[in-house]
Amino acid sequence: MIIITGGAGFIGSALAKALNDRGQTDIVIIDRLGTDEKWKNLAGLGFADYFDADDFLEMAETDSIDFPIEAVLHMGACSATTETDASFLAKNNYEYTKAMAALALEFDARFIYASSAATYGNGENGFEDNHEKLKTLKPLNMYGYSKHLFDLWAKRNGLLDEIVGLKYFNVFGPNEYHKAEMRSFVIRAFEQISDAGKVKLFKSYNPDYPDGKQLRDFLYIKDAVDMTLFFLDNPKANGIFNIGSAAARSWLDLANAAFAAMDKKASIEFIDMPESLRDKYQYYTQADITKIRNAGYKQKTTSLEDAVKDYIQNYLAKNQHLTGI
């Protein structure tokens, strides 16, 4: 069985869909469905079983799992960069990841977990996925720190030569609909353009970056999935790797791509950034993907314009998930 934690979530459900497309349904989904509509990401997927995340943790801790495990794709986490409950993040993102790593090692299974580009903080120490630089990184929020904690723990315990940590940059695409305020800008731009004919962007509070020219590494979900499954297919590639496009693009680029995909004239309004975010805001991110390239990953990533067009025209405009519902 392939375990996917966060399997009803954004990246997790997209991974399950990609595995289905390969003809694989020996998948166990782990998640907390809650009260939102995340369950819709599971509709149309083929999988063997589903367990609540807390129930599965108890099963793992009491040696109650009675099926073989080939791999654990640990995508489950609280991904809200604005979450202020540090204890919750430490338990949910750090402690749970340690438990899943222990489970995978017990079953001699492949362990691939989601880290985050948020661990790089403001980028003052670069965006190179070098294990020796981990101790120099300074995340700007507790979410990033909760991910950084496990990266450090894995290195400290000598595990990075047998497991894989993936530092996802700004991933966007279908199946993120349930993420409320943590949805990508593309879906919010689509809604704003549909409702008001214009898009709102945060003003810049850094003199090095004009309004709208703040830069991020945006990556389409289909590329993120392909890069992730590369490590499932290549068990000799281990360690921490950046998962990004290696191209820093501006929020204006993203907004203009959305207008173009909707065949609308661009209209942009700059608004104040909440004060609570101003000292935690990443003005520049760009993945260095030399390491994954050297490991053998050859596929080109989708251009920002093509990715936004596909997302808007084939999913958002049709109100469809990756599974077609």
C-alpha atoms as a PDB file:
ATOM      1  CA  MET A   1       0.000   0.000   0.000  1.00  0.00           C
ATOM      2  CA  ILE A   2       0.989   3.594  -0.573  1.00  0.00           C
ATOM      3  CA  ILE A   3       0.007   5.802   2.347  1.00  0.00           C
ATOM      4  CA  ILE A   4      -0.869   9.414   1.504  1.00  0.00           C
ATOM      5  CA  THR A   5      -1.340  11.623   4.522  1.00  0.00           C
ATOM      6  CA  GLY A   6      -3.256  14.786   3.752  1.00  0.00           C
ATOM      7  CA  GLY A   7      -4.683  12.669   0.951  1.00  0.00           C
ATOM      8  CA  ALA A   8      -7.844  14.751   0.666  1.00  0.00           C
ATOM      9  CA  GLY A   9      -5.822  17.952   0.598  1.00  0.00           C
ATOM     10  CA  PHE A  10      -4.332  19.894  -2.269  1.00  0.00           C
ATOM     11  CA  ILE A  11      -1.083  18.113  -3.126  1.00  0.00           C
ATOM     12  CA  GLY A  12      -2.125  14.816  -1.540  1.00  0.00           C
ATOM     13  CA  SER A  13      -5.246  14.362  -3.672  1.00  0.00           C
ATOM     14  CA  ALA A  14      -3.323  15.386  -6.796  1.00  0.00           C
ATOM     15  CA  LEU A  15      -0.749  12.695  -6.013  1.00  0.00           C
ATOM     16  CA  ALA A  16      -3.519  10.117  -5.604  1.00  0.00           C
ATOM     17  CA  LYS A  17      -4.975  11.154  -8.968  1.00  0.00           C
ATOM     18  CA  ALA A  18      -1.573  10.803 -10.651  1.00  0.00           C
ATOM     19  CA  LEU A  19      -1.115   7.350  -9.122  1.00  0.00           C
ATOM     20  CA  ASN A  20      -4.593   6.379 -10.351  1.00  0.00           C
ATOM     21  CA  ASP A  21      -3.591   7.521 -13.829  1.00  0.00           C
ATOM     22  CA  ARG A  22      -0.737   5.020 -13.586  1.00  0.00           C
ATOM     23  CA  GLY A  23      -3.234   2.290 -12.719  1.00  0.00           C
ATOM     24  CA  GLN A  24      -2.461   2.267  -8.989  1.00  0.00           C
ATOM     25  CA  THR A  25      -5.328   2.095  -6.491  1.00  0.00           C
ATOM     26  CA  ASP A  26      -3.502   0.347  -3.644  1.00  0.00           C
ATOM     27  CA  ILE A  27      -3.616   3.635  -1.743  1.00  0.00           C
ATOM     28  CA  VAL A  28      -4.635   4.436   1.821  1.00  0.00           C
ATOM     29  CA  ILE A  29      -5.824   8.001   2.365  1.00  0.00           C
ATOM     30  CA  ILE A  30      -5.136   9.645   5.734  1.00  0.00           C
ATOM     31  CA  ASP A  31      -6.713  13.009   6.565  1.00  0.00           C
ATOM     32  CA  ARG A  32      -9.080  15.018   8.742  1.00  0.00           C
ATOM     33  CA  LEU A  33     -12.080  15.854   6.573  1.00  0.00           C
ATOM     34  CA  GLY A  34     -13.575  18.373   8.993  1.00  0.00           C
ATOM     35  CA  THR A  35     -16.514  20.531   7.981  1.00  0.00           C
ATOM     36  CA  ASP A  36     -15.297  22.059   4.721  1.00  0.00           C
ATOM     37  CA  GLU A  37     -15.650  20.540   1.262  1.00  0.00           C
ATOM     38  CA  LYS A  38     -12.244  18.903   1.130  1.00  0.00           C
ATOM     39  CA  TRP A  39     -14.023  15.566   0.723  1.00  0.00           C
ATOM     40  CA  LYS A  40     -14.773  16.545  -2.892  1.00  0.00           C
ATOM     41  CA  ASN A  41     -11.090  16.067  -3.693  1.00  0.00           C
ATOM     42  CA  LEU A  42     -11.576  12.356  -2.974  1.00  0.00           C
ATOM     43  CA  ALA A  43     -14.619  11.918  -5.214  1.00  0.00           C
ATOM     44  CA  GLY A  44     -13.610  10.072  -8.356  1.00  0.00           C
ATOM     45  CA  LEU A  45     -10.356   8.749  -6.882  1.00  0.00           C
ATOM     46  CA  GLY A  46      -9.578   5.063  -6.526  1.00  0.00           C
ATOM     47  CA  PHE A  47      -8.151   4.007  -3.163  1.00  0.00           C
ATOM     48  CA  ALA A  48      -8.285   1.021  -0.850  1.00  0.00           C
ATOM     49  CA  ASP A  49      -9.181   2.692   2.443  1.00  0.00           C
ATOM     50  CA  TYR A  50      -9.480   5.934   4.393  1.00  0.00           C
ATOM     51  CA  PHE A  51      -8.525   6.637   8.019  1.00  0.00           C
ATOM     52  CA  ASP A  52      -8.834   9.745  10.139  1.00  0.00           C
ATOM     53  CA  ALA A  53      -5.388  11.161  10.871  1.00  0.00           C
ATOM     54  CA  ASP A  54      -5.687  10.794  14.643  1.00  0.00           C
ATOM     55  CA  ASP A  55      -6.975   7.221  14.369  1.00  0.00           C
ATOM     56  CA  PHE A  56      -4.117   6.317  12.041  1.00  0.00           C
ATOM     57  CA  LEU A  57      -1.568   7.813  14.411  1.00  0.00           C
ATOM     58  CA  GLU A  58      -2.953   5.624  17.202  1.00  0.00           C
ATOM     59  CA  MET A  59      -2.769   2.603  14.897  1.00  0.00           C
ATOM     60  CA  ALA A  60       0.863   3.369  14.126  1.00  0.00           C
ATOM     61  CA  GLU A  61       1.786   3.893  17.769  1.00  0.00           C
ATOM     62  CA  THR A  62       0.085   0.663  18.895  1.00  0.00           C
ATOM     63  CA  ASP A  63       1.401  -1.510  16.049  1.00  0.00           C
ATOM     64  CA  SER A  64      -2.154  -2.068  14.827  1.00  0.00           C
ATOM     65  CA  ILE A  65      -1.530  -1.652  11.103  1.00  0.00           C
ATOM     66  CA  ASP A  66      -2.263  -5.001   9.461  1.00  0.00           C
ATOM     67  CA  PHE A  67      -1.385  -4.289   5.843  1.00  0.00           C
ATOM     68  CA  PRO A  68       1.985  -3.930   4.068  1.00  0.00           C
ATOM     69  CA  ILE A  69       3.306  -0.432   3.401  1.00  0.00           C
ATOM     70  CA  GLU A  70       5.390   0.286   0.316  1.00  0.00           C
ATOM     71  CA  ALA A  71       5.660   4.053   0.752  1.00  0.00           C
ATOM     72  CA  VAL A  72       4.462   6.911   2.942  1.00  0.00           C
ATOM     73  CA  LEU A  73       3.854  10.179   1.099  1.00  0.00           C
ATOM     74  CA  HIS A  74       3.442  12.518   4.041  1.00  0.00           C
ATOM     75  CA  MET A  75       1.714  15.635   2.743  1.00  0.00           C
ATOM     76  CA  GLY A  76      -0.558  16.204   5.749  1.00  0.00           C
ATOM     77  CA  ALA A  77       0.028  19.400   7.747  1.00  0.00           C
ATOM     78  CA  CYS A  78      -1.514  22.664   8.770  1.00  0.00           C
ATOM     79  CA  SER A  79      -0.281  24.909   5.960  1.00  0.00           C
ATOM     80  CA  ALA A  80      -1.656  28.215   7.244  1.00  0.00           C
ATOM     81  CA  THR A  81       1.228  30.677   7.406  1.00  0.00           C
ATOM     82  CA  THR A  82      -0.970  32.887   9.600  1.00  0.00           C
ATOM     83  CA  GLU A  83      -1.626  30.208  12.245  1.00  0.00           C
ATOM     84  CA  THR A  84      -0.590  31.555  15.652  1.00  0.00           C
ATOM     85  CA  ASP A  85      -1.054  28.436  17.798  1.00  0.00           C
ATOM     86  CA  ALA A  86       2.563  27.348  18.014  1.00  0.00           C
ATOM     87  CA  SER A  87       1.791  24.310  20.159  1.00  0.00           C
ATOM     88  CA  PHE A  88      -0.713  23.038  17.605  1.00  0.00           C
ATOM     89  CA  LEU A  89       1.746  23.515  14.744  1.00  0.00           C
ATOM     90  CA  ALA A  90       4.540  21.778  16.650  1.00  0.00           C
ATOM     91  CA  LYS A  91       2.302  18.795  17.387  1.00  0.00           C
ATOM     92  CA  ASN A  92       0.578  18.598  14.003  1.00  0.00           C
ATOM     93  CA  ASN A  93       3.481  19.421  11.683  1.00  0.00           C
ATOM     94  CA  TYR A  94       6.524  18.278  13.645  1.00  0.00           C
ATOM     95  CA  GLU A  95       5.543  15.493  16.025  1.00  0.00           C
ATOM     96  CA  TYR A  96       3.187  13.847  13.537  1.00  0.00           C
ATOM     97  CA  THR A  97       5.899  13.868  10.880  1.00  0.00           C
ATOM     98  CA  LYS A  98       8.294  12.147  13.260  1.00  0.00           C
ATOM     99  CA  ALA A  99       5.670   9.451  13.859  1.00  0.00           C
ATOM    100  CA  MET A 100       5.142   8.917  10.124  1.00  0.00           C
ATOM    101  CA  ALA A 101       8.887   8.704   9.540  1.00  0.00           C
ATOM    102  CA  ALA A 102       9.176   6.093  12.286  1.00  0.00           C
ATOM    103  CA  LEU A 103       6.326   4.127  10.726  1.00  0.00           C
ATOM    104  CA  ALA A 104       7.930   4.147   7.278  1.00  0.00           C
ATOM    105  CA  LEU A 105      11.293   3.075   8.670  1.00  0.00           C
ATOM    106  CA  GLU A 106       9.641   0.272  10.654  1.00  0.00           C
ATOM    107  CA  PHE A 107       8.064  -1.089   7.452  1.00  0.00           C
ATOM    108  CA  ASP A 108      11.220  -0.431   5.401  1.00  0.00           C
ATOM    109  CA  ALA A 109       9.029   1.793   3.229  1.00  0.00           C
ATOM    110  CA  ARG A 110       9.891   4.855   1.143  1.00  0.00           C
ATOM    111  CA  PHE A 111       9.305   8.055   3.143  1.00  0.00           C
ATOM    112  CA  ILE A 112       8.697  11.293   1.246  1.00  0.00           C
ATOM    113  CA  TYR A 113       7.524  14.279   3.254  1.00  0.00           C
ATOM    114  CA  ALA A 114       6.474  17.842   2.533  1.00  0.00           C
ATOM    115  CA  SER A 115       8.784  20.515   3.852  1.00  0.00           C
ATOM    116  CA  SER A 116       8.333  24.093   2.631  1.00  0.00           C
ATOM    117  CA  ALA A 117      10.067  27.067   1.048  1.00  0.00           C
ATOM    118  CA  ALA A 118       8.804  28.964   4.116  1.00  0.00           C
ATOM    119  CA  THR A 119      11.810  27.477   5.926  1.00  0.00           C
ATOM    120  CA  TYR A 120      14.058  29.860   3.953  1.00  0.00           C
ATOM    121  CA  GLY A 121      12.604  32.936   5.631  1.00  0.00           C
ATOM    122  CA  ASN A 122      13.509  36.188   3.867  1.00  0.00           C
ATOM    123  CA  GLY A 123      16.105  34.422   1.746  1.00  0.00           C
ATOM    124  CA  GLU A 124      19.104  36.172   3.263  1.00  0.00           C
ATOM    125  CA  ASN A 125      20.889  32.808   3.356  1.00  0.00           C
ATOM    126  CA  GLY A 126      19.831  31.798  -0.127  1.00  0.00           C
ATOM    127  CA  PHE A 127      17.471  29.137  -1.472  1.00  0.00           C
ATOM    128  CA  GLU A 128      19.904  26.276  -1.905  1.00  0.00           C
ATOM    129  CA  ASP A 129      18.747  22.853  -0.668  1.00  0.00           C
ATOM    130  CA  ASN A 130      22.079  22.162   0.989  1.00  0.00           C
ATOM    131  CA  HIS A 131      21.876  20.114   4.195  1.00  0.00           C
ATOM    132  CA  GLU A 132      24.825  21.948   5.689  1.00  0.00           C
ATOM    133  CA  LYS A 133      22.983  25.266   5.390  1.00  0.00           C
ATOM    134  CA  LEU A 134      19.897  24.123   7.293  1.00  0.00           C
ATOM    135  CA  LYS A 135      21.145  25.538  10.581  1.00  0.00           C
ATOM    136  CA  THR A 136      21.515  29.013   9.037  1.00  0.00           C
ATOM    137  CA  LEU A 137      17.864  29.333   7.950  1.00  0.00           C
ATOM    138  CA  LYS A 138      15.481  31.654   9.810  1.00  0.00           C
ATOM    139  CA  PRO A 139      11.778  31.070   9.019  1.00  0.00           C
ATOM    140  CA  LEU A 140       9.562  34.151   9.343  1.00  0.00           C
ATOM    141  CA  ASN A 141       6.527  32.397  10.832  1.00  0.00           C
ATOM    142  CA  MET A 142       5.673  29.429  13.019  1.00  0.00           C
ATOM    143  CA  TYR A 143       4.423  27.380  10.071  1.00  0.00           C
ATOM    144  CA  GLY A 144       7.841  27.641   8.436  1.00  0.00           C
ATOM    145  CA  TYR A 145       9.546  26.900  11.731  1.00  0.00           C
ATOM    146  CA  SER A 146       7.415  23.779  12.321  1.00  0.00           C
ATOM    147  CA  LYS A 147       8.616  22.448   8.964  1.00  0.00           C
ATOM    148  CA  HIS A 148      12.192  23.518   9.684  1.00  0.00           C
ATOM    149  CA  LEU A 149      12.118  21.644  12.988  1.00  0.00           C
ATOM    150  CA  PHE A 150      11.646  18.317  11.249  1.00  0.00           C
ATOM    151  CA  ASP A 151      14.289  19.053   8.613  1.00  0.00           C
ATOM    152  CA  LEU A 152      16.750  19.707  11.431  1.00  0.00           C
ATOM    153  CA  TRP A 153      15.612  16.617  13.368  1.00  0.00           C
ATOM    154  CA  ALA A 154      16.048  14.398  10.307  1.00  0.00           C
ATOM    155  CA  LYS A 155      19.567  15.733   9.732  1.00  0.00           C
ATOM    156  CA  ARG A 156      20.479  15.448  13.395  1.00  0.00           C
ATOM    157  CA  ASN A 157      19.385  11.802  13.414  1.00  0.00           C
ATOM    158  CA  GLY A 158      21.183  10.879  10.203  1.00  0.00           C
ATOM    159  CA  LEU A 159      18.020  10.173   8.217  1.00  0.00           C
ATOM    160  CA  LEU A 160      18.555  12.372   5.182  1.00  0.00           C
ATOM    161  CA  ASP A 161      20.440   9.638   3.364  1.00  0.00           C
ATOM    162  CA  GLU A 162      17.352   7.381   3.423  1.00  0.00           C
ATOM    163  CA  ILE A 163      14.296   9.688   3.315  1.00  0.00           C
ATOM    164  CA  VAL A 164      13.187  12.591   1.111  1.00  0.00           C
ATOM    165  CA  GLY A 165      12.088  16.074   2.191  1.00  0.00           C
ATOM    166  CA  LEU A 166      10.544  18.330  -0.444  1.00  0.00           C
ATOM    167  CA  LYS A 167      10.625  22.098  -0.059  1.00  0.00           C
ATOM    168  CA  TYR A 168       7.579  23.137  -2.066  1.00  0.00           C
ATOM    169  CA  PHE A 169       7.544  26.730  -3.269  1.00  0.00           C
ATOM    170  CA  ASN A 170       4.302  28.545  -4.274  1.00  0.00           C
ATOM    171  CA  VAL A 171       2.225  25.674  -5.642  1.00  0.00           C
ATOM    172  CA  PHE A 172      -1.141  26.466  -7.222  1.00  0.00           C
ATOM    173  CA  GLY A 173      -3.797  24.635  -9.213  1.00  0.00           C
ATOM    174  CA  PRO A 174      -7.006  22.610  -8.994  1.00  0.00           C
ATOM    175  CA  ASN A 175      -8.003  20.884  -5.730  1.00  0.00           C
ATOM    176  CA  GLU A 176      -6.986  23.846  -3.544  1.00  0.00           C
ATOM    177  CA  TYR A 177     -10.580  25.115  -3.406  1.00  0.00           C
ATOM    178  CA  HIS A 178     -11.101  24.170   0.253  1.00  0.00           C
ATOM    179  CA  LYS A 179      -8.097  26.115   1.576  1.00  0.00           C
ATOM    180  CA  ALA A 180      -9.998  29.332   2.386  1.00  0.00           C
ATOM    181  CA  GLU A 181      -7.527  32.197   2.928  1.00  0.00           C
ATOM    182  CA  MET A 182      -4.599  29.953   2.011  1.00  0.00           C
ATOM    183  CA  ARG A 183      -5.822  29.434  -1.546  1.00  0.00           C
ATOM    184  CA  SER A 184      -3.460  30.653  -4.243  1.00  0.00           C
ATOM    185  CA  PHE A 185      -3.699  34.104  -5.726  1.00  0.00           C
ATOM    186  CA  VAL A 186      -4.831  32.596  -9.048  1.00  0.00           C
ATOM    187  CA  ILE A 187      -8.155  31.390  -7.721  1.00  0.00           C
ATOM    188  CA  ARG A 188      -8.708  34.654  -5.845  1.00  0.00           C
ATOM    189  CA  ALA A 189      -7.830  36.642  -8.974  1.00  0.00           C
ATOM    190  CA  PHE A 190     -10.312  34.580 -10.966  1.00  0.00           C
ATOM    191  CA  GLU A 191     -13.029  35.378  -8.437  1.00  0.00           C
ATOM    192  CA  GLN A 192     -12.142  39.085  -8.245  1.00  0.00           C
ATOM    193  CA  ILE A 193     -12.061  39.481 -12.014  1.00  0.00           C
ATOM    194  CA  SER A 194     -15.343  37.595 -12.362  1.00  0.00           C
ATOM    195  CA  ASP A 195     -17.045  39.696  -9.669  1.00  0.00           C
ATOM    196  CA  ALA A 196     -15.512  43.162 -10.064  1.00  0.00           C
ATOM    197  CA  GLY A 197     -13.383  43.156 -13.217  1.00  0.00           C
ATOM    198  CA  LYS A 198     -10.231  44.038 -11.275  1.00  0.00           C
ATOM    199  CA  VAL A 199      -7.604  42.479  -9.017  1.00  0.00           C
ATOM    200  CA  LYS A 200      -6.254  43.693  -5.674  1.00  0.00           C
ATOM    201  CA  LEU A 201      -2.564  43.318  -4.867  1.00  0.00           C
ATOM    202  CA  PHE A 202      -0.652  44.198  -1.713  1.00  0.00           C
ATOM    203  CA  LYS A 203       1.496  47.309  -1.752  1.00  0.00           C
ATOM    204  CA  SER A 204       5.197  46.784  -1.201  1.00  0.00           C
ATOM    205  CA  TYR A 205       6.816  47.873   2.058  1.00  0.00           C
ATOM    206  CA  ASN A 206      10.325  47.154   0.833  1.00  0.00           C
ATOM    207  CA  PRO A 207      12.001  49.930  -1.193  1.00  0.00           C
ATOM    208  CA  ASP A 208      13.823  47.333  -3.295  1.00  0.00           C
ATOM    209  CA  TYR A 209      10.527  46.076  -4.715  1.00  0.00           C
ATOM    210  CA  PRO A 210       7.936  48.382  -6.348  1.00  0.00           C
ATOM    211  CA  ASP A 211       4.249  47.623  -5.821  1.00  0.00           C
ATOM    212  CA  GLY A 212       3.373  44.368  -7.565  1.00  0.00           C
ATOM    213  CA  LYS A 213       7.001  43.571  -8.283  1.00  0.00           C
ATOM    214  CA  GLN A 214       7.494  41.339  -5.267  1.00  0.00           C
ATOM    215  CA  LEU A 215       8.822  38.050  -6.656  1.00  0.00           C
ATOM    216  CA  ARG A 216       7.873  34.451  -5.980  1.00  0.00           C
ATOM    217  CA  ASP A 217       8.609  31.055  -7.482  1.00  0.00           C
ATOM    218  CA  PHE A 218       5.173  29.886  -8.662  1.00  0.00           C
ATOM    219  CA  LEU A 219       4.787  26.191  -9.531  1.00  0.00           C
ATOM    220  CA  TYR A 220       1.823  24.437 -11.137  1.00  0.00           C
ATOM    221  CA  ILE A 221       0.412  21.505  -9.185  1.00  0.00           C
ATOM    222  CA  LYS A 222       0.920  19.134 -12.126  1.00  0.00           C
ATOM    223  CA  ASP A 223       4.656  19.877 -12.072  1.00  0.00           C
ATOM    224  CA  ALA A 224       4.795  19.561  -8.279  1.00  0.00           C
ATOM    225  CA  VAL A 225       3.201  16.118  -8.513  1.00  0.00           C
ATOM    226  CA  ASP A 226       5.525  14.993 -11.302  1.00  0.00           C
ATOM    227  CA  MET A 227       8.564  16.104  -9.324  1.00  0.00           C
ATOM    228  CA  THR A 228       7.280  14.368  -6.198  1.00  0.00           C
ATOM    229  CA  LEU A 229       6.645  11.055  -7.931  1.00  0.00           C
ATOM    230  CA  PHE A 230      10.159  11.198  -9.374  1.00  0.00           C
ATOM    231  CA  PHE A 231      11.361  10.342  -5.872  1.00  0.00           C
ATOM    232  CA  LEU A 232       8.899   7.478  -5.532  1.00  0.00           C
ATOM    233  CA  ASP A 233      10.322   6.061  -8.760  1.00  0.00           C
ATOM    234  CA  ASN A 234      13.958   6.705  -7.815  1.00  0.00           C
ATOM    235  CA  PRO A 235      14.597   5.296  -4.340  1.00  0.00           C
ATOM    236  CA  LYS A 236      18.314   6.051  -4.473  1.00  0.00           C
ATOM    237  CA  ALA A 237      17.635   9.804  -4.559  1.00  0.00           C
ATOM    238  CA  ASN A 238      17.452  10.920  -0.932  1.00  0.00           C
ATOM    239  CA  GLY A 239      17.785  14.106   1.084  1.00  0.00           C
ATOM    240  CA  ILE A 240      16.113  17.513   0.976  1.00  0.00           C
ATOM    241  CA  PHE A 241      15.185  18.935  -2.427  1.00  0.00           C
ATOM    242  CA  ASN A 242      13.606  22.144  -3.659  1.00  0.00           C
ATOM    243  CA  ILE A 243      10.379  21.720  -5.631  1.00  0.00           C
ATOM    244  CA  GLY A 244       9.921  24.852  -7.719  1.00  0.00           C
ATOM    245  CA  SER A 245      10.110  26.325 -11.207  1.00  0.00           C
ATOM    246  CA  ALA A 246      13.486  28.050 -10.710  1.00  0.00           C
ATOM    247  CA  ALA A 247      11.909  31.237 -12.099  1.00  0.00           C
ATOM    248  CA  ALA A 248      11.023  34.193  -9.868  1.00  0.00           C
ATOM    249  CA  ARG A 249       7.962  35.972 -11.273  1.00  0.00           C
ATOM    250  CA  SER A 250       6.091  39.009  -9.994  1.00  0.00           C
ATOM    251  CA  TRP A 251       2.569  39.253  -8.671  1.00  0.00           C
ATOM    252  CA  LEU A 252       1.893  41.579 -11.603  1.00  0.00           C
ATOM    253  CA  ASP A 253       2.957  38.798 -13.966  1.00  0.00           C
ATOM    254  CA  LEU A 254       0.530  36.461 -12.235  1.00  0.00           C
ATOM    255  CA  ALA A 255      -2.319  38.981 -12.332  1.00  0.00           C
ATOM    256  CA  ASN A 256      -1.734  39.749 -15.996  1.00  0.00           C
ATOM    257  CA  ALA A 257      -1.697  36.033 -16.808  1.00  0.00           C
ATOM    258  CA  ALA A 258      -5.086  35.681 -15.107  1.00  0.00           C
ATOM    259  CA  PHE A 259      -6.570  38.584 -17.091  1.00  0.00           C
ATOM    260  CA  ALA A 260      -5.183  37.109 -20.314  1.00  0.00           C
ATOM    261  CA  ALA A 261      -6.606  33.669 -19.531  1.00  0.00           C
ATOM    262  CA  MET A 262     -10.033  35.275 -19.033  1.00  0.00           C
ATOM    263  CA  ASP A 263      -9.650  37.508 -22.100  1.00  0.00           C
ATOM    264  CA  LYS A 264     -10.107  40.615 -19.957  1.00  0.00           C
ATOM    265  CA  LYS A 265      -8.308  43.962 -19.871  1.00  0.00           C
ATOM    266  CA  ALA A 266      -6.008  44.223 -16.865  1.00  0.00           C
ATOM    267  CA  SER A 267      -7.185  46.426 -13.987  1.00  0.00           C
ATOM    268  CA  ILE A 268      -5.156  46.343 -10.756  1.00  0.00           C
ATOM    269  CA  GLU A 269      -5.630  48.115  -7.424  1.00  0.00           C
ATOM    270  CA  PHE A 270      -2.894  48.173  -4.778  1.00  0.00           C
ATOM    271  CA  ILE A 271      -4.078  47.840  -1.196  1.00  0.00           C
ATOM    272  CA  ASP A 272      -2.406  48.043   2.211  1.00  0.00           C
ATOM    273  CA  MET A 273      -0.860  44.884   3.558  1.00  0.00           C
ATOM    274  CA  PRO A 274      -2.095  43.941   7.050  1.00  0.00           C
ATOM    275  CA  GLU A 275       0.426  45.068   9.645  1.00  0.00           C
ATOM    276  CA  SER A 276       0.558  41.538  11.062  1.00  0.00           C
ATOM    277  CA  LEU A 277       2.115  40.326   7.802  1.00  0.00           C
ATOM    278  CA  ARG A 278       4.568  43.109   7.037  1.00  0.00           C
ATOM    279  CA  ASP A 279       7.509  41.720   8.999  1.00  0.00           C
ATOM    280  CA  LYS A 280       6.765  38.125   7.936  1.00  0.00           C
ATOM    281  CA  TYR A 281       6.441  38.669   4.208  1.00  0.00           C
ATOM    282  CA  GLN A 282       8.741  36.996   1.685  1.00  0.00           C
ATOM    283  CA  TYR A 283       9.580  39.549  -1.017  1.00  0.00           C
ATOM    284  CA  TYR A 284      11.628  37.149  -3.103  1.00  0.00           C
ATOM    285  CA  THR A 285      11.765  33.385  -3.532  1.00  0.00           C
ATOM    286  CA  GLN A 286      13.353  31.355  -6.283  1.00  0.00           C
ATOM    287  CA  ALA A 287      14.071  27.670  -6.023  1.00  0.00           C
ATOM    288  CA  ASP A 288      17.539  26.453  -6.853  1.00  0.00           C
ATOM    289  CA  ILE A 289      16.654  23.114  -8.497  1.00  0.00           C
ATOM    290  CA  THR A 290      20.189  22.095  -9.421  1.00  0.00           C
ATOM    291  CA  LYS A 291      20.032  19.236  -6.934  1.00  0.00           C
ATOM    292  CA  ILE A 292      16.907  17.565  -8.349  1.00  0.00           C
ATOM    293  CA  ARG A 293      18.288  18.043 -11.859  1.00  0.00           C
ATOM    294  CA  ASN A 294      21.538  16.355 -10.826  1.00  0.00           C
ATOM    295  CA  ALA A 295      19.476  13.530  -9.333  1.00  0.00           C
ATOM    296  CA  GLY A 296      18.050  12.855 -12.786  1.00  0.00           C
ATOM    297  CA  TYR A 297      14.848  14.869 -13.092  1.00  0.00           C
ATOM    298  CA  LYS A 298      14.702  16.128 -16.678  1.00  0.00           C
ATOM    299  CA  GLN A 299      11.164  17.417 -17.254  1.00  0.00           C
ATOM    300  CA  LYS A 300      10.622  21.108 -17.978  1.00  0.00           C
ATOM    301  CA  THR A 301       8.164  22.948 -15.739  1.00  0.00           C
ATOM    302  CA  THR A 302       5.079  24.618 -17.181  1.00  0.00           C
ATOM    303  CA  SER A 303       5.415  28.347 -17.868  1.00  0.00           C
ATOM    304  CA  LEU A 304       3.478  30.631 -15.556  1.00  0.00           C
ATOM    305  CA  GLU A 305       1.252  31.833 -18.391  1.00  0.00           C
ATOM    306  CA  ASP A 306       0.428  28.314 -19.622  1.00  0.00           C
ATOM    307  CA  ALA A 307      -0.214  27.054 -16.100  1.00  0.00           C
ATOM    308  CA  VAL A 308      -2.569  29.922 -15.225  1.00  0.00           C
ATOM    309  CA  LYS A 309      -4.397  29.468 -18.535  1.00  0.00           C
ATOM    310  CA  ASP A 310      -4.886  25.736 -17.960  1.00  0.00           C
ATOM    311  CA  TYR A 311      -6.042  26.248 -14.378  1.00  0.00           C
ATOM    312  CA  ILE A 312      -8.521  29.006 -15.194  1.00  0.00           C
ATOM    313  CA  GLN A 313      -9.925  27.718 -18.474  1.00  0.00           C
ATOM    314  CA  ASN A 314     -10.029  23.978 -17.767  1.00  0.00           C
ATOM    315  CA  TYR A 315     -10.812  23.956 -14.038  1.00  0.00           C
ATOM    316  CA  LEU A 316     -11.949  27.242 -12.454  1.00  0.00           C
ATOM    317  CA  ALA A 317     -14.204  28.301 -15.328  1.00  0.00           C
ATOM    318  CA  LYS A 318     -15.731  24.800 -15.370  1.00  0.00           C
ATOM    319  CA  ASN A 319     -15.828  24.458 -11.549  1.00  0.00           C
ATOM    320  CA  GLN A 320     -13.980  21.155 -11.810  1.00  0.00           C
ATOM    321  CA  HIS A 321     -11.525  19.274  -9.654  1.00  0.00           C
ATOM    322  CA  LEU A 322      -8.643  17.221 -11.033  1.00  0.00           C
ATOM    323  CA  THR A 323     -10.938  14.193 -10.887  1.00  0.00           C
ATOM    324  CA  GLY A 324     -13.446  15.971 -13.106  1.00  0.00           C
ATOM    325  CA  ILE A 325     -16.298  16.415 -10.621  1.00  0.00           C
END
